[in-house]
Amino acid sequence: HFMVPPEENLQYPEYHEGASAIMSIYMCMRQFLPVCLVYDFS
């Protein structure tokens, strides 16, 4: 989750490491939680 995608040309990738982990968890949970009948995960 903490890995930044290498294909995107970012100027300072080290600044995006913390946000990338949270966004990765958020995207995965958005896909998984509807299976658990939770549809309003934010």
Full PDB file with SEQRES, HELIX, SHEET, SSBOND, CRYST1, ORIGX, SCALE, CONECT and MASTER records, all heavy atoms in Angstrom:
SEQRES   1 A   42  HIS PHE MET VAL PRO PRO GLU GLU ASN LEU GLN TYR PRO          
SEQRES   2 A   42  GLU TYR HIS GLU GLY ALA SER ALA ILE MET SER ILE TYR          
SEQRES   3 A   42  MET CYS MET ARG GLN PHE LEU PRO VAL CYS LEU VAL TYR          
SEQRES   4 A   42  ASP PHE SER                                                  
HELIX    1 AA1 PRO A   13  HIS A   16  5                                   4    
HELIX    2 AA2 GLU A   17  PHE A   32  1                                  16    
HELIX    3 AA3 LEU A   33  CYS A   36  5                                   4    
CRYST1    1.000    1.000    1.000  90.00  90.00  90.00 P 1           1          
ORIGX1      1.000000  0.000000  0.000000        0.00000                         
ORIGX2      0.000000  1.000000  0.000000        0.00000                         
ORIGX3      0.000000  0.000000  1.000000        0.00000                         
SCALE1      1.000000  0.000000  0.000000        0.00000                         
SCALE2      0.000000  1.000000  0.000000        0.00000                         
SCALE3      0.000000  0.000000  1.000000        0.00000                         
ATOM      1  N   HIS A   1       0.823  -1.214   0.000  1.00  0.00           N  
ATOM      2  CA  HIS A   1       0.000   0.000   0.000  1.00  0.00           C  
ATOM      3  C   HIS A   1       0.863   1.273   0.000  1.00  0.00           C  
ATOM      4  O   HIS A   1       0.395   2.335  -0.427  1.00  0.00           O  
ATOM      5  CB  HIS A   1      -0.906   0.010   1.244  1.00  0.00           C  
ATOM      6  CG  HIS A   1      -1.951  -1.055   1.214  1.00  0.00           C  
ATOM      7  ND1 HIS A   1      -3.067  -1.006   0.420  1.00  0.00           N  
ATOM      8  CD2 HIS A   1      -2.040  -2.237   1.899  1.00  0.00           C  
ATOM      9  CE1 HIS A   1      -3.806  -2.061   0.618  1.00  0.00           C  
ATOM     10  NE2 HIS A   1      -3.198  -2.848   1.517  1.00  0.00           N  
ATOM     11  N   PHE A   2       2.096   1.182   0.482  1.00  0.00           N  
ATOM     12  CA  PHE A   2       2.956   2.347   0.605  1.00  0.00           C  
ATOM     13  C   PHE A   2       3.772   2.615  -0.654  1.00  0.00           C  
ATOM     14  O   PHE A   2       4.550   3.562  -0.702  1.00  0.00           O  
ATOM     15  CB  PHE A   2       3.900   2.174   1.802  1.00  0.00           C  
ATOM     16  CG  PHE A   2       3.196   2.124   3.115  1.00  0.00           C  
ATOM     17  CD1 PHE A   2       2.804   0.903   3.662  1.00  0.00           C  
ATOM     18  CD2 PHE A   2       2.896   3.285   3.805  1.00  0.00           C  
ATOM     19  CE1 PHE A   2       2.144   0.858   4.873  1.00  0.00           C  
ATOM     20  CE2 PHE A   2       2.247   3.241   5.024  1.00  0.00           C  
ATOM     21  CZ  PHE A   2       1.859   2.023   5.553  1.00  0.00           C  
ATOM     22  N   MET A   3       3.618   1.783  -1.664  1.00  0.00           N  
ATOM     23  CA  MET A   3       4.392   1.963  -2.892  1.00  0.00           C  
ATOM     24  C   MET A   3       3.679   2.933  -3.833  1.00  0.00           C  
ATOM     25  O   MET A   3       2.479   2.808  -4.072  1.00  0.00           O  
ATOM     26  CB  MET A   3       4.589   0.623  -3.604  1.00  0.00           C  
ATOM     27  CG  MET A   3       5.467  -0.345  -2.835  1.00  0.00           C  
ATOM     28  SD  MET A   3       5.670  -1.880  -3.729  1.00  0.00           S  
ATOM     29  CE  MET A   3       6.660  -2.804  -2.577  1.00  0.00           C  
ATOM     30  N   VAL A   4       4.448   3.873  -4.389  1.00  0.00           N  
ATOM     31  CA  VAL A   4       3.913   4.841  -5.346  1.00  0.00           C  
ATOM     32  C   VAL A   4       3.996   4.233  -6.744  1.00  0.00           C  
ATOM     33  O   VAL A   4       4.992   3.586  -7.081  1.00  0.00           O  
ATOM     34  CB  VAL A   4       4.709   6.159  -5.271  1.00  0.00           C  
ATOM     35  CG1 VAL A   4       4.195   7.173  -6.275  1.00  0.00           C  
ATOM     36  CG2 VAL A   4       4.640   6.730  -3.867  1.00  0.00           C  
ATOM     37  N   PRO A   5       2.993   4.377  -7.574  1.00  0.00           N  
ATOM     38  CA  PRO A   5       3.073   3.839  -8.945  1.00  0.00           C  
ATOM     39  C   PRO A   5       4.247   4.426  -9.712  1.00  0.00           C  
ATOM     40  O   PRO A   5       4.408   5.661  -9.752  1.00  0.00           O  
ATOM     41  CB  PRO A   5       1.744   4.252  -9.565  1.00  0.00           C  
ATOM     42  CG  PRO A   5       0.837   4.442  -8.418  1.00  0.00           C  
ATOM     43  CD  PRO A   5       1.678   4.955  -7.304  1.00  0.00           C  
ATOM     44  N   PRO A   6       5.096   3.603 -10.322  1.00  0.00           N  
ATOM     45  CA  PRO A   6       6.299   4.129 -10.981  1.00  0.00           C  
ATOM     46  C   PRO A   6       6.026   4.792 -12.330  1.00  0.00           C  
ATOM     47  O   PRO A   6       6.845   5.545 -12.819  1.00  0.00           O  
ATOM     48  CB  PRO A   6       7.169   2.891 -11.139  1.00  0.00           C  
ATOM     49  CG  PRO A   6       6.210   1.781 -11.224  1.00  0.00           C  
ATOM     50  CD  PRO A   6       5.062   2.152 -10.347  1.00  0.00           C  
ATOM     51  N   GLU A   7       4.897   4.516 -12.952  1.00  0.00           N  
ATOM     52  CA  GLU A   7       4.642   5.037 -14.281  1.00  0.00           C  
ATOM     53  C   GLU A   7       4.277   6.520 -14.261  1.00  0.00           C  
ATOM     54  O   GLU A   7       4.438   7.239 -15.258  1.00  0.00           O  
ATOM     55  CB  GLU A   7       3.526   4.232 -14.943  1.00  0.00           C  
ATOM     56  CG  GLU A   7       3.962   2.811 -15.255  1.00  0.00           C  
ATOM     57  CD  GLU A   7       2.855   2.038 -15.953  1.00  0.00           C  
ATOM     58  OE1 GLU A   7       1.780   2.633 -16.167  1.00  0.00           O  
ATOM     59  OE2 GLU A   7       3.071   0.862 -16.275  1.00  0.00           O  
ATOM     60  N   GLU A   8       3.710   7.036 -13.173  1.00  0.00           N  
ATOM     61  CA  GLU A   8       3.341   8.444 -13.083  1.00  0.00           C  
ATOM     62  C   GLU A   8       4.604   9.295 -12.807  1.00  0.00           C  
ATOM     63  O   GLU A   8       5.383   8.989 -11.907  1.00  0.00           O  
ATOM     64  CB  GLU A   8       2.311   8.643 -11.972  1.00  0.00           C  
ATOM     65  CG  GLU A   8       0.996   7.938 -12.258  1.00  0.00           C  
ATOM     66  CD  GLU A   8      -0.037   8.194 -11.182  1.00  0.00           C  
ATOM     67  OE1 GLU A   8       0.308   8.932 -10.240  1.00  0.00           O  
ATOM     68  OE2 GLU A   8      -1.148   7.658 -11.283  1.00  0.00           O  
ATOM     69  N   ASN A   9       4.737  10.369 -13.562  1.00  0.00           N  
ATOM     70  CA  ASN A   9       5.906  11.257 -13.442  1.00  0.00           C  
ATOM     71  C   ASN A   9       5.653  12.282 -12.336  1.00  0.00           C  
ATOM     72  O   ASN A   9       5.042  13.335 -12.555  1.00  0.00           O  
ATOM     73  CB  ASN A   9       6.172  11.969 -14.765  1.00  0.00           C  
ATOM     74  CG  ASN A   9       6.574  10.982 -15.837  1.00  0.00           C  
ATOM     75  OD1 ASN A   9       7.342  10.059 -15.571  1.00  0.00           O  
ATOM     76  ND2 ASN A   9       6.075  11.180 -17.049  1.00  0.00           N  
ATOM     77  N   LEU A  10       6.085  11.937 -11.129  1.00  0.00           N  
ATOM     78  CA  LEU A  10       5.930  12.826  -9.989  1.00  0.00           C  
ATOM     79  C   LEU A  10       7.267  13.507  -9.687  1.00  0.00           C  
ATOM     80  O   LEU A  10       8.333  12.858  -9.738  1.00  0.00           O  
ATOM     81  CB  LEU A  10       5.443  12.044  -8.755  1.00  0.00           C  
ATOM     82  CG  LEU A  10       4.066  11.387  -8.887  1.00  0.00           C  
ATOM     83  CD1 LEU A  10       3.803  10.515  -7.675  1.00  0.00           C  
ATOM     84  CD2 LEU A  10       2.969  12.423  -9.024  1.00  0.00           C  
ATOM     85  N   GLN A  11       7.169  14.761  -9.334  1.00  0.00           N  
ATOM     86  CA  GLN A  11       8.401  15.501  -9.069  1.00  0.00           C  
ATOM     87  C   GLN A  11       9.012  15.122  -7.725  1.00  0.00           C  
ATOM     88  O   GLN A  11      10.229  14.960  -7.591  1.00  0.00           O  
ATOM     89  CB  GLN A  11       8.104  17.004  -9.110  1.00  0.00           C  
ATOM     90  CG  GLN A  11       9.375  17.856  -9.108  1.00  0.00           C  
ATOM     91  CD  GLN A  11       9.067  19.334  -9.301  1.00  0.00           C  
ATOM     92  OE1 GLN A  11       7.893  19.711  -9.394  1.00  0.00           O  
ATOM     93  NE2 GLN A  11      10.111  20.164  -9.382  1.00  0.00           N  
ATOM     94  N   TYR A  12       8.169  15.004  -6.711  1.00  0.00           N  
ATOM     95  CA  TYR A  12       8.634  14.633  -5.377  1.00  0.00           C  
ATOM     96  C   TYR A  12       7.814  13.419  -4.896  1.00  0.00           C  
ATOM     97  O   TYR A  12       6.793  13.576  -4.212  1.00  0.00           O  
ATOM     98  CB  TYR A  12       8.479  15.804  -4.402  1.00  0.00           C  
ATOM     99  CG  TYR A  12       9.272  17.015  -4.804  1.00  0.00           C  
ATOM    100  CD1 TYR A  12       8.646  18.114  -5.383  1.00  0.00           C  
ATOM    101  CD2 TYR A  12      10.648  17.050  -4.597  1.00  0.00           C  
ATOM    102  CE1 TYR A  12       9.372  19.234  -5.764  1.00  0.00           C  
ATOM    103  CE2 TYR A  12      11.388  18.170  -4.968  1.00  0.00           C  
ATOM    104  CZ  TYR A  12      10.742  19.260  -5.566  1.00  0.00           C  
ATOM    105  OH  TYR A  12      11.469  20.355  -5.946  1.00  0.00           O  
ATOM    106  N   PRO A  13       8.179  12.205  -5.296  1.00  0.00           N  
ATOM    107  CA  PRO A  13       7.376  11.025  -4.930  1.00  0.00           C  
ATOM    108  C   PRO A  13       7.384  10.718  -3.444  1.00  0.00           C  
ATOM    109  O   PRO A  13       6.476  10.085  -2.932  1.00  0.00           O  
ATOM    110  CB  PRO A  13       8.025   9.893  -5.719  1.00  0.00           C  
ATOM    111  CG  PRO A  13       9.404  10.366  -6.014  1.00  0.00           C  
ATOM    112  CD  PRO A  13       9.336  11.866  -6.133  1.00  0.00           C  
ATOM    113  N   GLU A  14       8.403  11.172  -2.710  1.00  0.00           N  
ATOM    114  CA  GLU A  14       8.454  10.857  -1.282  1.00  0.00           C  
ATOM    115  C   GLU A  14       7.349  11.565  -0.515  1.00  0.00           C  
ATOM    116  O   GLU A  14       6.947  11.106   0.557  1.00  0.00           O  
ATOM    117  CB  GLU A  14       9.815  11.222  -0.684  1.00  0.00           C  
ATOM    118  CG  GLU A  14      10.214  12.680  -0.799  1.00  0.00           C  
ATOM    119  CD  GLU A  14      10.932  12.972  -2.111  1.00  0.00           C  
ATOM    120  OE1 GLU A  14      10.947  12.054  -2.994  1.00  0.00           O  
ATOM    121  OE2 GLU A  14      11.457  14.073  -2.272  1.00  0.00           O  
ATOM    122  N   TYR A  15       6.834  12.706  -1.063  1.00  0.00           N  
ATOM    123  CA  TYR A  15       5.732  13.393  -0.395  1.00  0.00           C  
ATOM    124  C   TYR A  15       4.411  12.630  -0.537  1.00  0.00           C  
ATOM    125  O   TYR A  15       3.467  12.885   0.214  1.00  0.00           O  
ATOM    126  CB  TYR A  15       5.573  14.810  -0.947  1.00  0.00           C  
ATOM    127  CG  TYR A  15       6.747  15.718  -0.662  1.00  0.00           C  
ATOM    128  CD1 TYR A  15       7.154  16.669  -1.588  1.00  0.00           C  
ATOM    129  CD2 TYR A  15       7.450  15.612   0.538  1.00  0.00           C  
ATOM    130  CE1 TYR A  15       8.239  17.502  -1.339  1.00  0.00           C  
ATOM    131  CE2 TYR A  15       8.533  16.438   0.799  1.00  0.00           C  
ATOM    132  CZ  TYR A  15       8.932  17.378  -0.142  1.00  0.00           C  
ATOM    133  OH  TYR A  15       9.995  18.182   0.098  1.00  0.00           O  
ATOM    134  N   HIS A  16       4.328  11.777  -1.525  1.00  0.00           N  
ATOM    135  CA  HIS A  16       3.075  11.076  -1.823  1.00  0.00           C  
ATOM    136  C   HIS A  16       3.002   9.687  -1.182  1.00  0.00           C  
ATOM    137  O   HIS A  16       2.008   8.985  -1.373  1.00  0.00           O  
ATOM    138  CB  HIS A  16       2.908  10.915  -3.337  1.00  0.00           C  
ATOM    139  CG  HIS A  16       2.813  12.215  -4.066  1.00  0.00           C  
ATOM    140  ND1 HIS A  16       1.625  12.879  -4.251  1.00  0.00           N  
ATOM    141  CD2 HIS A  16       3.773  12.982  -4.670  1.00  0.00           C  
ATOM    142  CE1 HIS A  16       1.848  13.999  -4.934  1.00  0.00           C  
ATOM    143  NE2 HIS A  16       3.155  14.081  -5.200  1.00  0.00           N  
ATOM    144  N   GLU A  17       4.023   9.287  -0.467  1.00  0.00           N  
ATOM    145  CA  GLU A  17       4.022   7.925   0.075  1.00  0.00           C  
ATOM    146  C   GLU A  17       2.946   7.729   1.130  1.00  0.00           C  
ATOM    147  O   GLU A  17       2.231   6.737   1.130  1.00  0.00           O  
ATOM    148  CB  GLU A  17       5.404   7.607   0.658  1.00  0.00           C  
ATOM    149  CG  GLU A  17       6.464   7.389  -0.397  1.00  0.00           C  
ATOM    150  CD  GLU A  17       7.803   7.058   0.209  1.00  0.00           C  
ATOM    151  OE1 GLU A  17       7.903   7.074   1.454  1.00  0.00           O  
ATOM    152  OE2 GLU A  17       8.747   6.787  -0.548  1.00  0.00           O  
ATOM    153  N   GLY A  18       2.822   8.701   2.073  1.00  0.00           N  
ATOM    154  CA  GLY A  18       1.795   8.564   3.107  1.00  0.00           C  
ATOM    155  C   GLY A  18       0.383   8.609   2.544  1.00  0.00           C  
ATOM    156  O   GLY A  18      -0.476   7.793   2.896  1.00  0.00           O  
ATOM    157  N   ALA A  19       0.133   9.550   1.623  1.00  0.00           N  
ATOM    158  CA  ALA A  19      -1.210   9.646   1.024  1.00  0.00           C  
ATOM    159  C   ALA A  19      -1.522   8.448   0.138  1.00  0.00           C  
ATOM    160  O   ALA A  19      -2.671   8.001   0.046  1.00  0.00           O  
ATOM    161  CB  ALA A  19      -1.322  10.945   0.219  1.00  0.00           C  
ATOM    162  N   SER A  20      -0.518   7.909  -0.534  1.00  0.00           N  
ATOM    163  CA  SER A  20      -0.758   6.752  -1.422  1.00  0.00           C  
ATOM    164  C   SER A  20      -1.213   5.535  -0.615  1.00  0.00           C  
ATOM    165  O   SER A  20      -2.072   4.760  -1.056  1.00  0.00           O  
ATOM    166  CB  SER A  20       0.507   6.426  -2.202  1.00  0.00           C  
ATOM    167  OG  SER A  20       1.529   6.012  -1.311  1.00  0.00           O  
ATOM    168  N   ALA A  21      -0.659   5.352   0.594  1.00  0.00           N  
ATOM    169  CA  ALA A  21      -1.085   4.208   1.421  1.00  0.00           C  
ATOM    170  C   ALA A  21      -2.551   4.353   1.828  1.00  0.00           C  
ATOM    171  O   ALA A  21      -3.355   3.401   1.732  1.00  0.00           O  
ATOM    172  CB  ALA A  21      -0.205   4.098   2.656  1.00  0.00           C  
ATOM    173  N   ILE A  22      -2.927   5.586   2.253  1.00  0.00           N  
ATOM    174  CA  ILE A  22      -4.324   5.804   2.678  1.00  0.00           C  
ATOM    175  C   ILE A  22      -5.269   5.641   1.497  1.00  0.00           C  
ATOM    176  O   ILE A  22      -6.335   5.029   1.598  1.00  0.00           O  
ATOM    177  CB  ILE A  22      -4.447   7.195   3.334  1.00  0.00           C  
ATOM    178  CG1 ILE A  22      -3.652   7.229   4.643  1.00  0.00           C  
ATOM    179  CG2 ILE A  22      -5.908   7.528   3.610  1.00  0.00           C  
ATOM    180  CD1 ILE A  22      -3.469   8.613   5.211  1.00  0.00           C  
ATOM    181  N   MET A  23      -4.898   6.191   0.321  1.00  0.00           N  
ATOM    182  CA  MET A  23      -5.754   6.074  -0.864  1.00  0.00           C  
ATOM    183  C   MET A  23      -5.871   4.619  -1.330  1.00  0.00           C  
ATOM    184  O   MET A  23      -6.932   4.177  -1.767  1.00  0.00           O  
ATOM    185  CB  MET A  23      -5.190   6.947  -1.981  1.00  0.00           C  
ATOM    186  CG  MET A  23      -5.302   8.447  -1.716  1.00  0.00           C  
ATOM    187  SD  MET A  23      -7.004   8.994  -1.483  1.00  0.00           S  
ATOM    188  CE  MET A  23      -7.677   8.674  -3.100  1.00  0.00           C  
ATOM    189  N   SER A  24      -4.767   3.878  -1.232  1.00  0.00           N  
ATOM    190  CA  SER A  24      -4.827   2.456  -1.628  1.00  0.00           C  
ATOM    191  C   SER A  24      -5.770   1.673  -0.719  1.00  0.00           C  
ATOM    192  O   SER A  24      -6.591   0.864  -1.176  1.00  0.00           O  
ATOM    193  CB  SER A  24      -3.430   1.860  -1.587  1.00  0.00           C  
ATOM    194  OG  SER A  24      -3.469   0.492  -1.904  1.00  0.00           O  
ATOM    195  N   ILE A  25      -5.650   1.928   0.597  1.00  0.00           N  
ATOM    196  CA  ILE A  25      -6.556   1.240   1.534  1.00  0.00           C  
ATOM    197  C   ILE A  25      -8.007   1.655   1.269  1.00  0.00           C  
ATOM    198  O   ILE A  25      -8.934   0.823   1.294  1.00  0.00           O  
ATOM    199  CB  ILE A  25      -6.152   1.553   2.987  1.00  0.00           C  
ATOM    200  CG1 ILE A  25      -4.772   0.962   3.290  1.00  0.00           C  
ATOM    201  CG2 ILE A  25      -7.168   0.987   3.965  1.00  0.00           C  
ATOM    202  CD1 ILE A  25      -4.142   1.501   4.553  1.00  0.00           C  
ATOM    203  N   TYR A  26      -8.187   2.955   1.009  1.00  0.00           N  
ATOM    204  CA  TYR A  26      -9.545   3.461   0.764  1.00  0.00           C  
ATOM    205  C   TYR A  26     -10.166   2.810  -0.479  1.00  0.00           C  
ATOM    206  O   TYR A  26     -11.321   2.374  -0.444  1.00  0.00           O  
ATOM    207  CB  TYR A  26      -9.485   4.978   0.612  1.00  0.00           C  
ATOM    208  CG  TYR A  26     -10.804   5.589   0.179  1.00  0.00           C  
ATOM    209  CD1 TYR A  26     -11.900   5.605   1.035  1.00  0.00           C  
ATOM    210  CD2 TYR A  26     -10.936   6.138  -1.095  1.00  0.00           C  
ATOM    211  CE1 TYR A  26     -13.107   6.152   0.634  1.00  0.00           C  
ATOM    212  CE2 TYR A  26     -12.138   6.690  -1.497  1.00  0.00           C  
ATOM    213  CZ  TYR A  26     -13.225   6.695  -0.642  1.00  0.00           C  
ATOM    214  OH  TYR A  26     -14.423   7.229  -1.046  1.00  0.00           O  
ATOM    215  N   MET A  27      -9.405   2.724  -1.578  1.00  0.00           N  
ATOM    216  CA  MET A  27      -9.936   2.120  -2.812  1.00  0.00           C  
ATOM    217  C   MET A  27     -10.243   0.628  -2.617  1.00  0.00           C  
ATOM    218  O   MET A  27     -11.271   0.127  -3.078  1.00  0.00           O  
ATOM    219  CB  MET A  27      -8.931   2.300  -3.948  1.00  0.00           C  
ATOM    220  CG  MET A  27      -8.677   3.758  -4.329  1.00  0.00           C  
ATOM    221  SD  MET A  27     -10.166   4.617  -4.869  1.00  0.00           S  
ATOM    222  CE  MET A  27     -10.508   3.748  -6.381  1.00  0.00           C  
ATOM    223  N   CYS A  28      -9.361  -0.055  -1.932  1.00  0.00           N  
ATOM    224  CA  CYS A  28      -9.605  -1.495  -1.704  1.00  0.00           C  
ATOM    225  C   CYS A  28     -10.822  -1.718  -0.804  1.00  0.00           C  
ATOM    226  O   CYS A  28     -11.629  -2.630  -1.049  1.00  0.00           O  
ATOM    227  CB  CYS A  28      -8.368  -2.135  -1.082  1.00  0.00           C  
ATOM    228  SG  CYS A  28      -6.947  -2.214  -2.172  1.00  0.00           S  
ATOM    229  N   MET A  29     -10.969  -0.869   0.230  1.00  0.00           N  
ATOM    230  CA  MET A  29     -12.118  -1.038   1.124  1.00  0.00           C  
ATOM    231  C   MET A  29     -13.417  -0.646   0.434  1.00  0.00           C  
ATOM    232  O   MET A  29     -14.488  -1.221   0.723  1.00  0.00           O  
ATOM    233  CB  MET A  29     -11.919  -0.202   2.385  1.00  0.00           C  
ATOM    234  CG  MET A  29     -10.784  -0.693   3.283  1.00  0.00           C  
ATOM    235  SD  MET A  29     -11.012  -2.356   3.917  1.00  0.00           S  
ATOM    236  CE  MET A  29     -12.330  -2.093   5.065  1.00  0.00           C  
ATOM    237  N   ARG A  30     -13.364   0.325  -0.463  1.00  0.00           N  
ATOM    238  CA  ARG A  30     -14.562   0.695  -1.229  1.00  0.00           C  
ATOM    239  C   ARG A  30     -15.031  -0.469  -2.107  1.00  0.00           C  
ATOM    240  O   ARG A  30     -16.226  -0.634  -2.344  1.00  0.00           O  
ATOM    241  CB  ARG A  30     -14.266   1.913  -2.095  1.00  0.00           C  
ATOM    242  CG  ARG A  30     -14.147   3.224  -1.319  1.00  0.00           C  
ATOM    243  CD  ARG A  30     -15.486   3.794  -0.932  1.00  0.00           C  
ATOM    244  NE  ARG A  30     -16.266   4.216  -2.065  1.00  0.00           N  
ATOM    245  CZ  ARG A  30     -17.510   4.702  -1.997  1.00  0.00           C  
ATOM    246  NH1 ARG A  30     -18.096   4.818  -0.815  1.00  0.00           N  
ATOM    247  NH2 ARG A  30     -18.152   5.063  -3.077  1.00  0.00           N  
ATOM    248  N   GLN A  31     -14.113  -1.269  -2.585  1.00  0.00           N  
ATOM    249  CA  GLN A  31     -14.484  -2.440  -3.385  1.00  0.00           C  
ATOM    250  C   GLN A  31     -14.936  -3.618  -2.523  1.00  0.00           C  
ATOM    251  O   GLN A  31     -15.766  -4.421  -2.950  1.00  0.00           O  
ATOM    252  CB  GLN A  31     -13.296  -2.863  -4.255  1.00  0.00           C  
ATOM    253  CG  GLN A  31     -12.942  -1.860  -5.328  1.00  0.00           C  
ATOM    254  CD  GLN A  31     -11.709  -2.279  -6.089  1.00  0.00           C  
ATOM    255  OE1 GLN A  31     -11.173  -3.358  -5.859  1.00  0.00           O  
ATOM    256  NE2 GLN A  31     -11.251  -1.410  -6.980  1.00  0.00           N  
ATOM    257  N   PHE A  32     -14.373  -3.701  -1.313  1.00  0.00           N  
ATOM    258  CA  PHE A  32     -14.657  -4.872  -0.485  1.00  0.00           C  
ATOM    259  C   PHE A  32     -15.901  -4.709   0.389  1.00  0.00           C  
ATOM    260  O   PHE A  32     -16.674  -5.660   0.552  1.00  0.00           O  
ATOM    261  CB  PHE A  32     -13.443  -5.161   0.407  1.00  0.00           C  
ATOM    262  CG  PHE A  32     -13.721  -6.076   1.545  1.00  0.00           C  
ATOM    263  CD1 PHE A  32     -14.107  -7.391   1.333  1.00  0.00           C  
ATOM    264  CD2 PHE A  32     -13.619  -5.628   2.866  1.00  0.00           C  
ATOM    265  CE1 PHE A  32     -14.379  -8.241   2.393  1.00  0.00           C  
ATOM    266  CE2 PHE A  32     -13.891  -6.472   3.919  1.00  0.00           C  
ATOM    267  CZ  PHE A  32     -14.270  -7.777   3.692  1.00  0.00           C  
ATOM    268  N   LEU A  33     -16.135  -3.535   0.963  1.00  0.00           N  
ATOM    269  CA  LEU A  33     -17.208  -3.370   1.947  1.00  0.00           C  
ATOM    270  C   LEU A  33     -18.622  -3.571   1.397  1.00  0.00           C  
ATOM    271  O   LEU A  33     -19.508  -3.974   2.153  1.00  0.00           O  
ATOM    272  CB  LEU A  33     -17.100  -1.993   2.615  1.00  0.00           C  
ATOM    273  CG  LEU A  33     -15.967  -1.867   3.638  1.00  0.00           C  
ATOM    274  CD1 LEU A  33     -15.853  -0.433   4.136  1.00  0.00           C  
ATOM    275  CD2 LEU A  33     -16.176  -2.809   4.804  1.00  0.00           C  
ATOM    276  N   PRO A  34     -18.934  -3.293   0.121  1.00  0.00           N  
ATOM    277  CA  PRO A  34     -20.287  -3.654  -0.362  1.00  0.00           C  
ATOM    278  C   PRO A  34     -20.612  -5.135  -0.220  1.00  0.00           C  
ATOM    279  O   PRO A  34     -21.774  -5.503  -0.088  1.00  0.00           O  
ATOM    280  CB  PRO A  34     -20.251  -3.230  -1.833  1.00  0.00           C  
ATOM    281  CG  PRO A  34     -19.284  -2.112  -1.874  1.00  0.00           C  
ATOM    282  CD  PRO A  34     -18.236  -2.443  -0.869  1.00  0.00           C  
ATOM    283  N   VAL A  35     -19.598  -5.981  -0.232  1.00  0.00           N  
ATOM    284  CA  VAL A  35     -19.835  -7.410   0.019  1.00  0.00           C  
ATOM    285  C   VAL A  35     -20.311  -7.620   1.448  1.00  0.00           C  
ATOM    286  O   VAL A  35     -21.122  -8.517   1.726  1.00  0.00           O  
ATOM    287  CB  VAL A  35     -18.545  -8.213  -0.260  1.00  0.00           C  
ATOM    288  CG1 VAL A  35     -18.768  -9.693   0.015  1.00  0.00           C  
ATOM    289  CG2 VAL A  35     -18.096  -8.008  -1.692  1.00  0.00           C  
ATOM    290  N   CYS A  36     -19.843  -6.762   2.381  1.00  0.00           N  
ATOM    291  CA  CYS A  36     -20.250  -6.836   3.791  1.00  0.00           C  
ATOM    292  C   CYS A  36     -21.497  -6.008   4.079  1.00  0.00           C  
ATOM    293  O   CYS A  36     -21.817  -5.774   5.273  1.00  0.00           O  
ATOM    294  CB  CYS A  36     -19.106  -6.366   4.682  1.00  0.00           C  
ATOM    295  SG  CYS A  36     -17.584  -7.301   4.490  1.00  0.00           S  
ATOM    296  N   LEU A  37     -22.187  -5.512   3.036  1.00  0.00           N  
ATOM    297  CA  LEU A  37     -23.421  -4.725   3.158  1.00  0.00           C  
ATOM    298  C   LEU A  37     -23.166  -3.358   3.809  1.00  0.00           C  
ATOM    299  O   LEU A  37     -23.996  -2.822   4.549  1.00  0.00           O  
ATOM    300  CB  LEU A  37     -24.491  -5.500   3.949  1.00  0.00           C  
ATOM    301  CG  LEU A  37     -24.876  -6.872   3.391  1.00  0.00           C  
ATOM    302  CD1 LEU A  37     -25.866  -7.556   4.308  1.00  0.00           C  
ATOM    303  CD2 LEU A  37     -25.439  -6.754   2.001  1.00  0.00           C  
ATOM    304  N   VAL A  38     -21.991  -2.763   3.534  1.00  0.00           N  
ATOM    305  CA  VAL A  38     -21.661  -1.395   3.949  1.00  0.00           C  
ATOM    306  C   VAL A  38     -21.372  -0.605   2.676  1.00  0.00           C  
ATOM    307  O   VAL A  38     -20.373  -0.869   1.984  1.00  0.00           O  
ATOM    308  CB  VAL A  38     -20.444  -1.375   4.901  1.00  0.00           C  
ATOM    309  CG1 VAL A  38     -20.066   0.066   5.247  1.00  0.00           C  
ATOM    310  CG2 VAL A  38     -20.746  -2.148   6.156  1.00  0.00           C  
ATOM    311  N   TYR A  39     -22.223   0.359   2.346  1.00  0.00           N  
ATOM    312  CA  TYR A  39     -22.155   1.055   1.064  1.00  0.00           C  
ATOM    313  C   TYR A  39     -21.705   2.518   1.178  1.00  0.00           C  
ATOM    314  O   TYR A  39     -21.532   3.174   0.146  1.00  0.00           O  
ATOM    315  CB  TYR A  39     -23.523   1.019   0.384  1.00  0.00           C  
ATOM    316  CG  TYR A  39     -24.030  -0.380   0.143  1.00  0.00           C  
ATOM    317  CD1 TYR A  39     -24.948  -0.971   1.010  1.00  0.00           C  
ATOM    318  CD2 TYR A  39     -23.570  -1.140  -0.935  1.00  0.00           C  
ATOM    319  CE1 TYR A  39     -25.412  -2.256   0.801  1.00  0.00           C  
ATOM    320  CE2 TYR A  39     -24.027  -2.428  -1.159  1.00  0.00           C  
ATOM    321  CZ  TYR A  39     -24.950  -2.982  -0.279  1.00  0.00           C  
ATOM    322  OH  TYR A  39     -25.393  -4.247  -0.495  1.00  0.00           O  
ATOM    323  N   ASP A  40     -21.540   3.039   2.373  1.00  0.00           N  
ATOM    324  CA  ASP A  40     -21.232   4.463   2.527  1.00  0.00           C  
ATOM    325  C   ASP A  40     -19.886   4.668   3.236  1.00  0.00           C  
ATOM    326  O   ASP A  40     -19.755   5.500   4.128  1.00  0.00           O  
ATOM    327  CB  ASP A  40     -22.346   5.169   3.300  1.00  0.00           C  
ATOM    328  CG  ASP A  40     -22.627   4.497   4.651  1.00  0.00           C  
ATOM    329  OD1 ASP A  40     -22.065   3.410   4.881  1.00  0.00           O  
ATOM    330  OD2 ASP A  40     -23.400   5.055   5.440  1.00  0.00           O  
ATOM    331  N   PHE A  41     -18.893   3.898   2.827  1.00  0.00           N  
ATOM    332  CA  PHE A  41     -17.562   4.062   3.388  1.00  0.00           C  
ATOM    333  C   PHE A  41     -16.910   5.305   2.784  1.00  0.00           C  
ATOM    334  O   PHE A  41     -16.915   5.495   1.557  1.00  0.00           O  
ATOM    335  CB  PHE A  41     -16.710   2.823   3.094  1.00  0.00           C  
ATOM    336  CG  PHE A  41     -15.384   2.818   3.777  1.00  0.00           C  
ATOM    337  CD1 PHE A  41     -15.279   2.524   5.122  1.00  0.00           C  
ATOM    338  CD2 PHE A  41     -14.214   3.115   3.076  1.00  0.00           C  
ATOM    339  CE1 PHE A  41     -14.050   2.508   5.756  1.00  0.00           C  
ATOM    340  CE2 PHE A  41     -12.994   3.098   3.697  1.00  0.00           C  
ATOM    341  CZ  PHE A  41     -12.913   2.799   5.043  1.00  0.00           C  
ATOM    342  N   SER A  42     -16.324   6.145   3.646  1.00  0.00           N  
ATOM    343  CA  SER A  42     -15.719   7.406   3.194  1.00  0.00           C  
ATOM    344  C   SER A  42     -14.269   7.485   3.653  1.00  0.00           C  
ATOM    345  O   SER A  42     -13.792   6.674   4.458  1.00  0.00           O  
ATOM    346  CB  SER A  42     -16.512   8.599   3.739  1.00  0.00           C  
ATOM    347  OG  SER A  42     -16.467   8.606   5.157  1.00  0.00           O  
TER     348      SER A  42                                                      
MASTER        0    0    0    3    0    0    0    6  347    1    0    4          
END                                                                             
